[in-house]
N, C-alpha and C. Protein backbone atom coordinates (compact mmCIF):
# COMPACT_ATOMS: atom_id res chain seq x y z
N UNK A 1 -17.53 -0.05 4.46
CA UNK A 1 -16.36 0.64 4.85
C UNK A 1 -14.97 0.15 5.48
N UNK A 2 -15.78 -1.12 6.05
CA UNK A 2 -14.85 -1.90 7.02
C UNK A 2 -13.85 -2.75 6.45
N UNK A 3 -13.99 -3.27 5.01
CA UNK A 3 -13.46 -3.79 4.36
C UNK A 3 -12.61 -3.08 3.96
N UNK A 4 -12.70 -1.51 3.56
CA UNK A 4 -11.84 -0.92 2.81
C UNK A 4 -10.39 -0.52 4.08
N UNK A 5 -11.41 -0.25 5.01
CA UNK A 5 -10.49 0.24 6.41
C UNK A 5 -9.66 -1.06 6.85
N UNK A 6 -10.06 -2.33 6.75
CA UNK A 6 -9.04 -3.45 6.83
C UNK A 6 -7.59 -3.31 5.48
N UNK A 7 -8.35 -2.69 4.48
CA UNK A 7 -7.15 -3.00 2.94
C UNK A 7 -6.15 -2.25 3.41
N UNK A 8 -6.82 -1.29 3.87
CA UNK A 8 -5.55 0.35 4.07
C UNK A 8 -4.49 -0.23 5.24
N UNK A 9 -5.47 -0.94 6.47
CA UNK A 9 -4.76 -1.27 7.75
C UNK A 9 -3.55 -2.19 6.84
N UNK A 10 -3.84 -3.10 6.11
CA UNK A 10 -3.16 -3.83 5.50
C UNK A 10 -2.12 -2.97 4.76
N UNK A 11 -1.97 -2.47 3.83
CA UNK A 11 -1.65 -1.71 2.65
C UNK A 11 -0.58 -1.09 3.38
N UNK A 12 -1.49 0.27 4.14
CA UNK A 12 -0.54 0.80 4.73
C UNK A 12 0.29 0.64 5.69
N UNK A 13 -0.11 -0.75 6.67
CA UNK A 13 1.22 -1.48 7.67
C UNK A 13 2.44 -2.07 6.56
N UNK A 14 2.28 -2.47 5.56
CA UNK A 14 2.91 -2.85 4.32
C UNK A 14 4.19 -1.60 4.26
N UNK A 15 3.33 -0.60 3.67
CA UNK A 15 4.56 0.39 3.08
C UNK A 15 4.69 0.99 4.54
N UNK A 16 4.37 1.95 5.35
CA UNK A 16 5.11 2.27 6.66
C UNK A 16 6.56 1.26 7.09
N UNK A 17 6.04 -0.13 7.45
CA UNK A 17 6.77 -0.77 7.85
C UNK A 17 8.25 -1.19 6.96
N UNK A 18 7.56 -1.04 5.97
CA UNK A 18 8.88 -0.94 4.55
C UNK A 18 9.63 -0.05 4.82
N UNK A 19 9.26 1.43 4.39
CA UNK A 19 10.02 2.32 4.34
C UNK A 19 10.90 2.92 5.42
N UNK A 20 10.21 2.26 7.02
CA UNK A 20 11.01 2.46 7.88
C UNK A 20 12.41 1.69 7.56
N UNK A 21 12.27 0.54 7.44
CA UNK A 21 13.34 -0.51 7.44
C UNK A 21 14.06 -0.67 6.71
N UNK A 22 13.95 -0.83 5.08
CA UNK A 22 14.69 -0.78 3.79
C UNK A 22 16.26 0.52 3.89
N UNK A 23 15.97 1.46 4.29
CA UNK A 23 17.34 1.98 4.77
C UNK A 23 18.44 1.49 5.23
N UNK A 24 17.86 0.91 6.87
CA UNK A 24 18.76 0.46 7.20
C UNK A 24 19.33 -0.56 7.08
N UNK A 25 18.39 -1.77 6.31
CA UNK A 25 18.47 -2.79 6.26
C UNK A 25 19.27 -2.91 4.83
N UNK A 26 19.15 -2.14 3.78
CA UNK A 26 20.59 -1.51 2.84
C UNK A 26 21.69 -1.43 3.30
N UNK A 27 22.00 -0.36 4.34
CA UNK A 27 23.08 0.16 4.77
C UNK A 27 23.97 -1.12 5.44
N UNK A 28 22.93 -1.90 6.70
CA UNK A 28 23.81 -3.36 7.25
C UNK A 28 23.98 -4.14 6.06
N UNK A 29 23.36 -4.09 4.48
CA UNK A 29 23.75 -5.19 3.66
C UNK A 29 24.87 -4.65 2.84
N UNK A 30 25.60 -3.26 3.22
CA UNK A 30 26.46 -2.56 2.54
C UNK A 30 26.37 -1.39 1.59
N UNK A 31 25.15 -1.09 1.61
CA UNK A 31 25.35 -0.01 0.44
C UNK A 31 25.55 1.78 1.26
N UNK A 32 25.99 2.72 0.41
CA UNK A 32 25.97 3.68 1.07
C UNK A 32 24.86 4.46 1.96
N UNK A 33 25.73 5.22 2.81
CA UNK A 33 24.08 6.04 3.42
C UNK A 33 23.27 6.52 1.96
N UNK A 34 23.78 7.43 1.64
CA UNK A 34 22.66 8.22 0.47
C UNK A 34 22.27 7.09 -0.26
N UNK A 35 22.90 6.09 -0.95
CA UNK A 35 21.64 4.97 -1.89
C UNK A 35 20.91 4.71 -1.13
N UNK A 36 20.90 3.99 0.07
CA UNK A 36 20.20 3.21 0.81
C UNK A 36 18.60 4.56 0.67
N UNK A 37 19.32 5.93 1.63
CA UNK A 37 18.24 5.95 2.03
C UNK A 37 17.69 6.59 0.56
N UNK A 38 18.54 7.02 -0.33
CA UNK A 38 17.94 6.93 -1.61
C UNK A 38 16.28 6.42 -2.35
N UNK A 39 16.57 5.37 -2.20
CA UNK A 39 15.61 4.18 -2.54
C UNK A 39 14.36 4.68 -1.89
N UNK A 40 14.23 5.12 -0.80
CA UNK A 40 12.68 5.38 -0.41
C UNK A 40 12.49 6.68 -0.33
N UNK A 41 13.09 7.42 -1.13
CA UNK A 41 13.15 9.33 -1.79
C UNK A 41 12.61 8.89 -3.09
N UNK A 42 13.19 7.68 -3.50
CA UNK A 42 12.45 7.39 -4.76
C UNK A 42 11.06 7.14 -5.01
N UNK A 43 10.95 6.23 -3.74
CA UNK A 43 9.99 5.56 -3.12
C UNK A 43 8.59 6.06 -3.85
N UNK A 44 9.45 7.31 -2.54
CA UNK A 44 8.23 9.14 -2.12
C UNK A 44 8.06 10.13 -4.03
N UNK A 45 8.90 9.98 -4.20
CA UNK A 45 8.84 10.41 -5.63
C UNK A 45 7.96 9.94 -6.78
N UNK A 46 8.21 8.86 -6.74
CA UNK A 46 7.64 7.91 -7.97
C UNK A 46 6.23 8.20 -7.23
N UNK A 47 5.92 7.86 -6.21
CA UNK A 47 4.09 7.59 -5.38
C UNK A 47 3.71 8.86 -5.56
N UNK A 48 4.61 10.06 -5.43
CA UNK A 48 3.43 11.41 -5.61
C UNK A 48 3.30 11.87 -7.36
N UNK A 49 3.99 10.80 -8.08
CA UNK A 49 3.82 11.21 -10.05
C UNK A 49 2.81 10.27 -10.18
N UNK A 50 2.79 9.12 -9.45
CA UNK A 50 1.88 8.31 -9.64
C UNK A 50 0.11 8.67 -9.26
N UNK A 51 0.16 9.29 -8.51
CA UNK A 51 -1.50 9.06 -7.67
C UNK A 51 -2.47 10.02 -8.41
N UNK A 52 -2.05 10.53 -9.03
CA UNK A 52 -3.05 11.41 -10.34
C UNK A 52 -3.57 10.51 -11.55
N UNK A 53 -2.55 9.86 -12.16
CA UNK A 53 -3.06 9.34 -13.05
C UNK A 53 -3.56 7.93 -13.08
N UNK A 54 -2.86 7.20 -11.47
CA UNK A 54 -3.88 6.22 -11.41
C UNK A 54 -5.30 6.34 -10.47
N UNK A 55 -5.55 7.56 -9.93
CA UNK A 55 -6.94 8.08 -9.41
C UNK A 55 -7.44 8.13 -10.78
N UNK A 56 -7.20 8.80 -11.33
CA UNK A 56 -7.71 9.55 -13.12
C UNK A 56 -8.52 8.42 -14.44
N UNK A 57 -7.52 7.40 -14.05
CA UNK A 57 -7.52 6.20 -14.53
C UNK A 57 -8.72 5.37 -13.86
N UNK A 58 -8.69 5.23 -12.64
CA UNK A 58 -9.21 4.82 -12.31
C UNK A 58 -11.18 4.92 -12.21
N UNK A 59 -11.39 6.18 -11.95
CA UNK A 59 -12.22 7.03 -12.33
C UNK A 59 -13.01 6.97 -13.28
N UNK A 60 -11.99 7.13 -14.41
CA UNK A 60 -12.45 6.93 -16.00
C UNK A 60 -12.53 5.74 -16.04
N UNK A 61 -12.35 4.93 -16.17
CA UNK A 61 -12.90 3.31 -16.20
C UNK A 61 -14.34 2.96 -15.48
N UNK A 62 -14.00 3.70 -14.26
CA UNK A 62 -15.34 3.37 -13.61
C UNK A 62 -15.00 1.96 -12.17
N UNK A 63 -13.70 1.71 -12.96
CA UNK A 63 -13.72 0.33 -11.85
C UNK A 63 -12.96 0.34 -11.39
N UNK A 64 -12.32 0.56 -10.16
CA UNK A 64 -11.32 0.86 -9.10
C UNK A 64 -11.20 -0.34 -8.27
N UNK A 65 -11.33 -1.74 -8.89
CA UNK A 65 -11.64 -2.71 -8.21
C UNK A 65 -10.24 -3.64 -9.54
N UNK A 66 -10.59 -2.95 -10.78
CA UNK A 66 -9.76 -3.62 -12.08
C UNK A 66 -8.11 -3.09 -11.64
N UNK A 67 -7.72 -1.76 -11.01
CA UNK A 67 -7.33 -1.11 -10.71
C UNK A 67 -5.93 -2.07 -9.83
N UNK A 68 -6.34 -1.64 -8.48
CA UNK A 68 -6.42 -2.45 -7.12
C UNK A 68 -6.00 -3.40 -7.02
N UNK A 69 -7.03 -4.48 -8.03
CA UNK A 69 -6.41 -5.64 -7.43
C UNK A 69 -4.83 -5.79 -7.66
N UNK A 70 -5.02 -5.90 -8.75
CA UNK A 70 -3.32 -5.92 -9.63
C UNK A 70 -2.21 -5.15 -8.84
N UNK A 71 -2.62 -3.97 -8.31
CA UNK A 71 -1.66 -2.93 -7.58
C UNK A 71 -1.22 -3.56 -6.46
N UNK A 72 -1.76 -4.39 -5.68
CA UNK A 72 -2.20 -5.17 -4.26
C UNK A 72 -1.07 -6.22 -4.43
N UNK A 73 -1.29 -7.02 -5.54
CA UNK A 73 -0.66 -8.23 -5.84
C UNK A 73 0.98 -8.10 -6.04
N UNK A 74 1.39 -6.30 -6.71
CA UNK A 74 2.03 -6.63 -6.91
C UNK A 74 2.93 -5.70 -6.01
N UNK A 75 2.57 -5.14 -5.28
CA UNK A 75 3.14 -4.61 -3.73
C UNK A 75 3.11 -5.79 -2.72
N UNK A 76 2.63 -6.66 -2.63
CA UNK A 76 2.64 -8.02 -1.68
C UNK A 76 4.25 -8.62 -2.51
N UNK A 77 4.00 -9.08 -4.04
CA UNK A 77 5.52 -9.25 -4.53
C UNK A 77 6.50 -8.44 -4.16
N UNK A 78 6.74 -7.48 -4.61
CA UNK A 78 7.70 -6.41 -4.85
C UNK A 78 8.42 -6.63 -3.16
N UNK A 79 7.65 -6.40 -2.40
CA UNK A 79 7.97 -6.12 -1.02
C UNK A 79 8.60 -7.60 -0.57
N UNK A 80 7.71 -8.73 -0.97
CA UNK A 80 8.46 -10.00 -0.93
C UNK A 80 9.74 -9.83 -1.30
N UNK A 81 10.15 -9.31 -2.33
CA UNK A 81 11.65 -9.70 -3.14
C UNK A 81 12.32 -9.17 -3.04
N UNK A 82 12.08 -7.79 -2.22
CA UNK A 82 13.27 -7.06 -1.39
C UNK A 82 14.28 -7.42 -1.35
N UNK A 83 14.48 -8.46 0.14
CA UNK A 83 15.29 -9.51 0.48
C UNK A 83 16.45 -10.26 -0.62
N UNK A 84 15.92 -10.61 -1.40
CA UNK A 84 16.09 -11.60 -2.30
C UNK A 84 16.74 -11.26 -3.69
N UNK A 85 16.83 -9.85 -3.86
CA UNK A 85 17.22 -9.08 -4.88
C UNK A 85 18.48 -8.19 -4.82
N UNK A 86 19.13 -8.23 -5.94
CA UNK A 86 20.62 -7.44 -6.03
C UNK A 86 20.01 -5.79 -5.95
N UNK A 87 21.18 -5.15 -5.97
CA UNK A 87 21.17 -3.44 -5.96
C UNK A 87 20.08 -2.59 -7.21
N UNK A 88 20.46 -3.30 -8.15
CA UNK A 88 19.85 -2.47 -9.50
C UNK A 88 18.14 -3.10 -9.32
N UNK A 89 17.87 -3.79 -8.80
CA UNK A 89 16.11 -5.02 -9.06
C UNK A 89 15.34 -4.15 -7.83
N UNK A 90 16.20 -3.40 -6.83
CA UNK A 90 16.00 -2.84 -5.20
C UNK A 90 15.19 -1.59 -5.83
N UNK A 91 16.15 -0.88 -6.65
CA UNK A 91 15.30 0.66 -7.21
C UNK A 91 14.25 0.37 -8.02
N UNK A 92 14.63 -0.70 -9.08
CA UNK A 92 13.14 -1.00 -9.74
C UNK A 92 12.03 -1.32 -9.01
N UNK A 93 12.14 -2.32 -8.23
CA UNK A 93 10.88 -2.81 -7.08
C UNK A 93 10.42 -1.18 -6.74
N UNK A 94 11.47 -0.51 -5.95
CA UNK A 94 10.88 0.54 -5.60
C UNK A 94 10.20 1.47 -6.17
N UNK A 95 10.81 2.03 -7.67
CA UNK A 95 9.64 2.55 -8.55
C UNK A 95 8.42 1.77 -9.02
N UNK A 96 8.50 1.04 -9.01
CA UNK A 96 6.86 -0.09 -9.24
C UNK A 96 6.01 0.02 -8.31
N UNK A 97 6.68 -0.50 -7.29
CA UNK A 97 5.87 -0.36 -5.99
C UNK A 97 5.13 0.76 -5.71
N UNK A 98 6.09 1.63 -5.77
CA UNK A 98 6.25 3.10 -5.38
C UNK A 98 5.27 4.00 -5.89
N UNK A 99 5.03 3.41 -7.11
CA UNK A 99 4.31 4.44 -8.22
C UNK A 99 2.82 4.05 -7.75
N UNK A 100 2.11 3.41 -7.17
CA UNK A 100 0.65 3.22 -6.70
C UNK A 100 0.62 4.40 -5.75
N UNK A 101 1.57 3.97 -4.82
CA UNK A 101 0.64 4.24 -2.86
C UNK A 101 -0.01 5.23 -3.49
N UNK A 102 -0.04 6.34 -3.38
CA UNK A 102 -0.81 7.27 -3.31
C UNK A 102 -1.70 7.57 -3.91
N UNK A 103 -2.18 6.49 -4.78
CA UNK A 103 -3.20 6.64 -5.24
C UNK A 103 -4.14 5.15 -4.92
N UNK A 104 -3.39 4.10 -4.21
CA UNK A 104 -4.30 3.27 -3.58
C UNK A 104 -4.89 4.45 -2.43
N UNK A 105 -4.38 5.05 -1.50
CA UNK A 105 -5.10 5.81 -0.86
C UNK A 105 -6.01 6.73 -0.88
N UNK A 106 -6.06 7.36 -2.51
CA UNK A 106 -6.68 8.31 -2.88
C UNK A 106 -8.22 7.22 -3.68
N UNK A 107 -7.84 6.24 -3.91
CA UNK A 107 -9.08 5.61 -4.31
C UNK A 107 -9.80 4.67 -3.33
N UNK A 108 -8.96 4.36 -2.27
CA UNK A 108 -9.66 3.49 -1.27
C UNK A 108 -11.08 4.35 -0.22
N UNK A 109 -10.02 5.71 -0.05
CA UNK A 109 -10.94 6.30 0.63
C UNK A 109 -11.85 7.44 -0.38
N UNK A 110 -11.50 7.17 -1.43
CA UNK A 110 -13.21 7.90 -2.41
C UNK A 110 -13.98 6.74 -2.12
N UNK A 111 -13.76 5.79 -2.42
CA UNK A 111 -14.77 4.04 -2.40
C UNK A 111 -15.62 4.43 -0.96
N UNK A 112 -14.78 5.09 0.15
CA UNK A 112 -15.54 4.47 1.68
C UNK A 112 -16.61 5.44 1.73
N UNK A 113 -16.64 6.89 0.94
CA UNK A 113 -17.53 7.55 0.71
C UNK A 113 -18.88 7.14 -0.01
N UNK A 114 -18.20 6.86 -0.95
CA UNK A 114 -19.04 5.74 -2.42
C UNK A 114 -19.92 4.92 -1.97
N UNK A 115 -19.18 4.33 -1.01
CA UNK A 115 -19.74 3.27 -0.17
C UNK A 115 -21.53 2.88 -0.14
N UNK A 116 -22.42 1.68 -0.30
CA UNK A 116 -23.73 1.63 0.14
C UNK A 116 -24.09 2.66 1.61
N UNK A 117 -24.93 3.08 1.12
CA UNK A 117 -25.37 3.52 2.51
C UNK A 117 -24.62 4.73 3.50
N UNK A 118 -23.60 5.18 2.87
CA UNK A 118 -22.72 6.22 3.16
C UNK A 118 -23.62 7.72 3.07
N UNK A 119 -23.40 7.93 1.80
CA UNK A 119 -24.19 8.72 1.06
C UNK A 119 -22.99 10.31 1.68
N UNK A 120 -24.05 11.61 1.68
CA UNK A 120 -23.14 12.49 2.07
C UNK A 120 -23.33 12.76 3.89
N UNK A 121 -24.47 12.54 4.27
CA UNK A 121 -24.81 12.56 5.92
C UNK A 121 -23.99 11.73 6.27
N UNK A 122 -22.99 10.93 5.66
CA UNK A 122 -22.30 9.59 6.71
C UNK A 122 -20.51 9.41 5.87
N UNK A 123 -20.44 10.80 4.68
CA UNK A 123 -18.83 10.35 4.10
C UNK A 123 -18.04 10.64 4.91
N UNK A 124 -18.05 12.09 5.69
CA UNK A 124 -16.70 12.34 6.98
C UNK A 124 -16.71 11.09 8.16
N UNK A 125 -17.85 10.39 8.46
CA UNK A 125 -17.41 9.72 9.33
C UNK A 125 -17.07 8.19 8.64
N UNK A 126 -17.25 7.81 7.37
CA UNK A 126 -16.59 7.01 6.81
C UNK A 126 -15.14 7.00 6.32
N UNK A 127 -14.79 7.72 6.38
CA UNK A 127 -13.26 8.66 6.13
C UNK A 127 -12.64 8.23 7.02
N UNK A 128 -13.58 8.71 8.32
CA UNK A 128 -12.98 8.86 9.66
C UNK A 128 -12.66 7.66 10.13
N UNK A 129 -13.55 7.16 10.03
CA UNK A 129 -13.23 5.28 10.54
C UNK A 129 -12.11 4.51 9.55
N UNK A 130 -12.53 4.81 8.29
CA UNK A 130 -11.58 4.13 7.33
C UNK A 130 -10.11 4.23 7.45
N UNK A 131 -9.64 5.72 8.29
CA UNK A 131 -8.57 6.56 8.21
C UNK A 131 -7.98 5.92 9.82
N UNK A 132 -9.31 5.52 10.78
CA UNK A 132 -8.31 4.89 11.99
C UNK A 132 -8.09 3.22 12.42
N UNK A 133 -8.85 3.11 10.82
CA UNK A 133 -8.36 1.11 11.28
C UNK A 133 -7.07 1.70 10.04
N UNK A 134 -6.78 2.41 9.09
CA UNK A 134 -5.00 2.63 8.58
C UNK A 134 -4.72 2.81 9.53
N UNK A 135 -4.97 3.63 10.31
CA UNK A 135 -3.37 4.13 11.61
C UNK A 135 -3.16 2.46 12.34
N UNK A 136 -4.04 2.06 12.35
CA UNK A 136 -3.46 0.86 13.27
C UNK A 136 -2.66 0.01 12.73
N UNK A 137 -2.97 -0.36 11.54
CA UNK A 137 -1.98 -0.73 10.83
C UNK A 137 -0.97 0.35 10.89
N UNK A 138 -0.65 1.69 10.38
CA UNK A 138 0.99 1.84 10.52
C UNK A 138 1.72 2.27 11.78
N UNK A 139 0.74 2.17 13.09
CA UNK A 139 0.99 1.99 14.35
C UNK A 139 1.92 0.81 14.66
N UNK A 140 1.33 -0.26 14.13
CA UNK A 140 1.71 -1.99 14.80
C UNK A 140 2.58 -2.44 14.00
N UNK A 141 2.27 -2.00 11.94
CA UNK A 141 3.29 -2.85 11.67
C UNK A 141 4.81 -3.00 12.11
N UNK A 142 5.07 -1.19 12.06
CA UNK A 142 6.72 -1.00 11.96
C UNK A 142 7.69 -1.90 12.95
N UNK A 143 6.80 -1.87 14.44
CA UNK A 143 7.66 -2.68 15.50
C UNK A 143 7.35 -4.00 15.44
N UNK A 144 6.69 -4.80 14.85
CA UNK A 144 5.95 -6.01 15.11
C UNK A 144 6.88 -6.77 13.48
N UNK A 145 7.32 -5.66 12.64
CA UNK A 145 7.99 -6.62 11.62
C UNK A 145 9.85 -6.56 11.79
N UNK A 146 9.75 -4.88 12.44
CA UNK A 146 10.91 -5.16 13.03
C UNK A 146 11.57 -6.67 13.87
N UNK A 147 10.79 -6.72 14.71
CA UNK A 147 10.76 -7.78 15.74
C UNK A 147 11.65 -8.77 15.16
N UNK A 148 11.17 -9.40 13.54
CA UNK A 148 11.74 -10.50 13.19
C UNK A 148 13.02 -10.30 12.42
N UNK A 149 13.49 -9.14 12.76
CA UNK A 149 14.96 -8.91 11.94
C UNK A 149 16.13 -9.81 12.83
N UNK A 150 15.00 -9.95 13.93
CA UNK A 150 16.52 -10.50 14.80
C UNK A 150 16.87 -11.97 14.46
N UNK A 151 15.53 -12.79 13.59
CA UNK A 151 15.94 -14.19 13.73
C UNK A 151 16.66 -13.84 12.03
N UNK A 152 15.94 -13.06 11.13
CA UNK A 152 16.65 -12.65 9.58
C UNK A 152 16.44 -11.49 9.67
N UNK A 153 17.29 -10.81 8.85
CA UNK A 153 16.85 -9.41 8.42
C UNK A 153 16.08 -9.45 7.16
N UNK A 154 15.72 -10.35 6.47
CA UNK A 154 15.27 -10.27 5.49
C UNK A 154 13.49 -10.61 5.83
N UNK A 155 13.32 -11.23 6.75
CA UNK A 155 12.03 -11.67 7.35
C UNK A 155 11.04 -10.22 7.63
N UNK A 156 11.44 -9.26 8.38
CA UNK A 156 9.99 -8.40 7.98
C UNK A 156 10.03 -7.93 6.71
N UNK A 157 10.36 -8.23 5.92
CA UNK A 157 9.51 -8.47 4.19
C UNK A 157 8.62 -8.95 4.21
N UNK A 158 8.83 -10.24 4.32
CA UNK A 158 8.13 -11.15 4.49
C UNK A 158 6.48 -11.21 5.16
N UNK A 159 7.07 -10.68 5.76
CA UNK A 159 5.63 -10.53 7.23
C UNK A 159 4.89 -9.06 6.57
N UNK A 160 5.44 -7.69 5.69
CA UNK A 160 5.21 -6.58 5.54
C UNK A 160 4.20 -7.09 4.44
N UNK A 161 4.94 -7.76 3.14
CA UNK A 161 4.03 -8.51 2.31
C UNK A 161 3.02 -9.42 2.39
N UNK A 162 3.07 -9.68 3.39
CA UNK A 162 2.01 -10.68 4.06
C UNK A 162 0.66 -9.72 4.79
N UNK A 163 1.13 -8.43 4.92
CA UNK A 163 0.01 -7.71 5.18
C UNK A 163 -0.54 -7.22 3.99
N UNK A 164 0.17 -6.92 2.79
CA UNK A 164 -0.57 -6.44 1.67
C UNK A 164 -1.09 -7.72 0.96
N UNK A 165 -0.82 -8.50 1.51
CA UNK A 165 -1.53 -9.98 0.47
C UNK A 165 -2.96 -9.77 1.65
N UNK A 166 -2.84 -9.53 2.80
CA UNK A 166 -4.35 -9.18 3.81
C UNK A 166 -5.19 -8.42 2.74
N UNK A 167 -4.42 -6.95 2.60
CA UNK A 167 -5.30 -5.82 1.64
C UNK A 167 -5.46 -6.26 0.76
N UNK A 168 -5.16 -7.41 -0.01
CA UNK A 168 -5.64 -7.78 -1.23
C UNK A 168 -6.84 -8.92 -1.17
N UNK A 169 -6.76 -9.26 -0.11
CA UNK A 169 -8.14 -10.42 0.06
C UNK A 169 -9.37 -9.47 0.44
N UNK A 170 -8.95 -8.60 1.96
CA UNK A 170 -10.14 -7.52 1.98
C UNK A 170 -10.09 -6.88 1.21
N UNK A 171 -9.72 -6.65 -0.05
CA UNK A 171 -10.18 -5.85 -1.26
C UNK A 171 -10.81 -6.09 -2.09
N UNK A 172 -10.75 -7.35 -2.51
CA UNK A 172 -11.70 -8.22 -3.09
C UNK A 172 -12.59 -8.86 -3.02
N UNK A 173 -13.23 -8.24 -1.33
CA UNK A 173 -14.36 -8.78 -1.06
C UNK A 173 -15.18 -7.19 -0.72
N UNK A 174 -14.43 -5.86 -1.14
CA UNK A 174 -15.46 -4.63 -1.20
C UNK A 174 -16.38 -4.77 -3.01
N UNK A 175 -17.45 -4.33 -2.80
CA UNK A 175 -18.30 -3.89 -4.00
C UNK A 175 -17.58 -2.63 -4.54
N UNK A 176 -17.68 -3.06 -6.11
CA UNK A 176 -17.28 -1.68 -6.75
C UNK A 176 -17.99 -0.64 -6.43
N UNK A 177 -17.89 0.47 -6.56
CA UNK A 177 -18.17 1.69 -6.15
C UNK A 177 -18.29 2.72 -7.56
N UNK A 178 -17.57 2.24 -8.71
CA UNK A 178 -17.51 3.27 -9.47
C UNK A 178 -18.55 3.05 -10.44
N UNK A 179 -18.46 3.82 -11.87
CA UNK A 179 -19.75 4.26 -12.77
C UNK A 179 -20.21 3.40 -13.13
N UNK A 180 -19.57 2.60 -13.38
CA UNK A 180 -19.95 0.67 -14.46
C UNK A 180 -20.57 0.20 -13.26
N UNK A 181 -20.83 0.49 -12.07
CA UNK A 181 -21.65 -0.73 -11.51
C UNK A 181 -23.08 -0.03 -11.05
N UNK A 182 -22.84 1.00 -11.01
CA UNK A 182 -24.25 2.08 -11.05
C UNK A 182 -24.77 1.83 -12.58
N UNK A 183 -24.13 1.85 -14.10
CA UNK A 183 -24.62 1.22 -14.95
C UNK A 183 -25.41 0.10 -15.22
N UNK A 184 -25.15 -0.76 -14.28
CA UNK A 184 -25.93 -2.33 -14.34
C UNK A 184 -27.11 -2.51 -13.04
């Protein structure tokens, strides 16, 4: 449960920082206000569309880690690329990274209730602890990342990509909770 909390701290911190800063960054780079804001709207819309298929796929396969490990790496790479790419690629990255956002939360929170020793009696506590740790990331990440903009406007994205990589590292240590683990 602690590792899932750390995973979501890194992931949520990455996402929260990025969605708050990206429109401002794009406006300063010469984008029209509607287009800059539209990138985050697209990110959120695609996230909503991707949540159910991603969670269903992870449940159907019974292998949550096989689904989420590539997602966390793609998120880290996608966020790191934002200050390095041009207009059309920013939109593509928002679609790719956004597709998995809500699915990651759904799968990780489900895994926290399925962790060894949690059971029905402690499921609420597991979710509460996981979300409390997650919220540390969403609270601290935006101001920490934004403070790097005074050095270079692209640096916040590298910080948030590093948080996504921390999420990947933490999640790689989590034990599989899916159906496949129970069969062995």
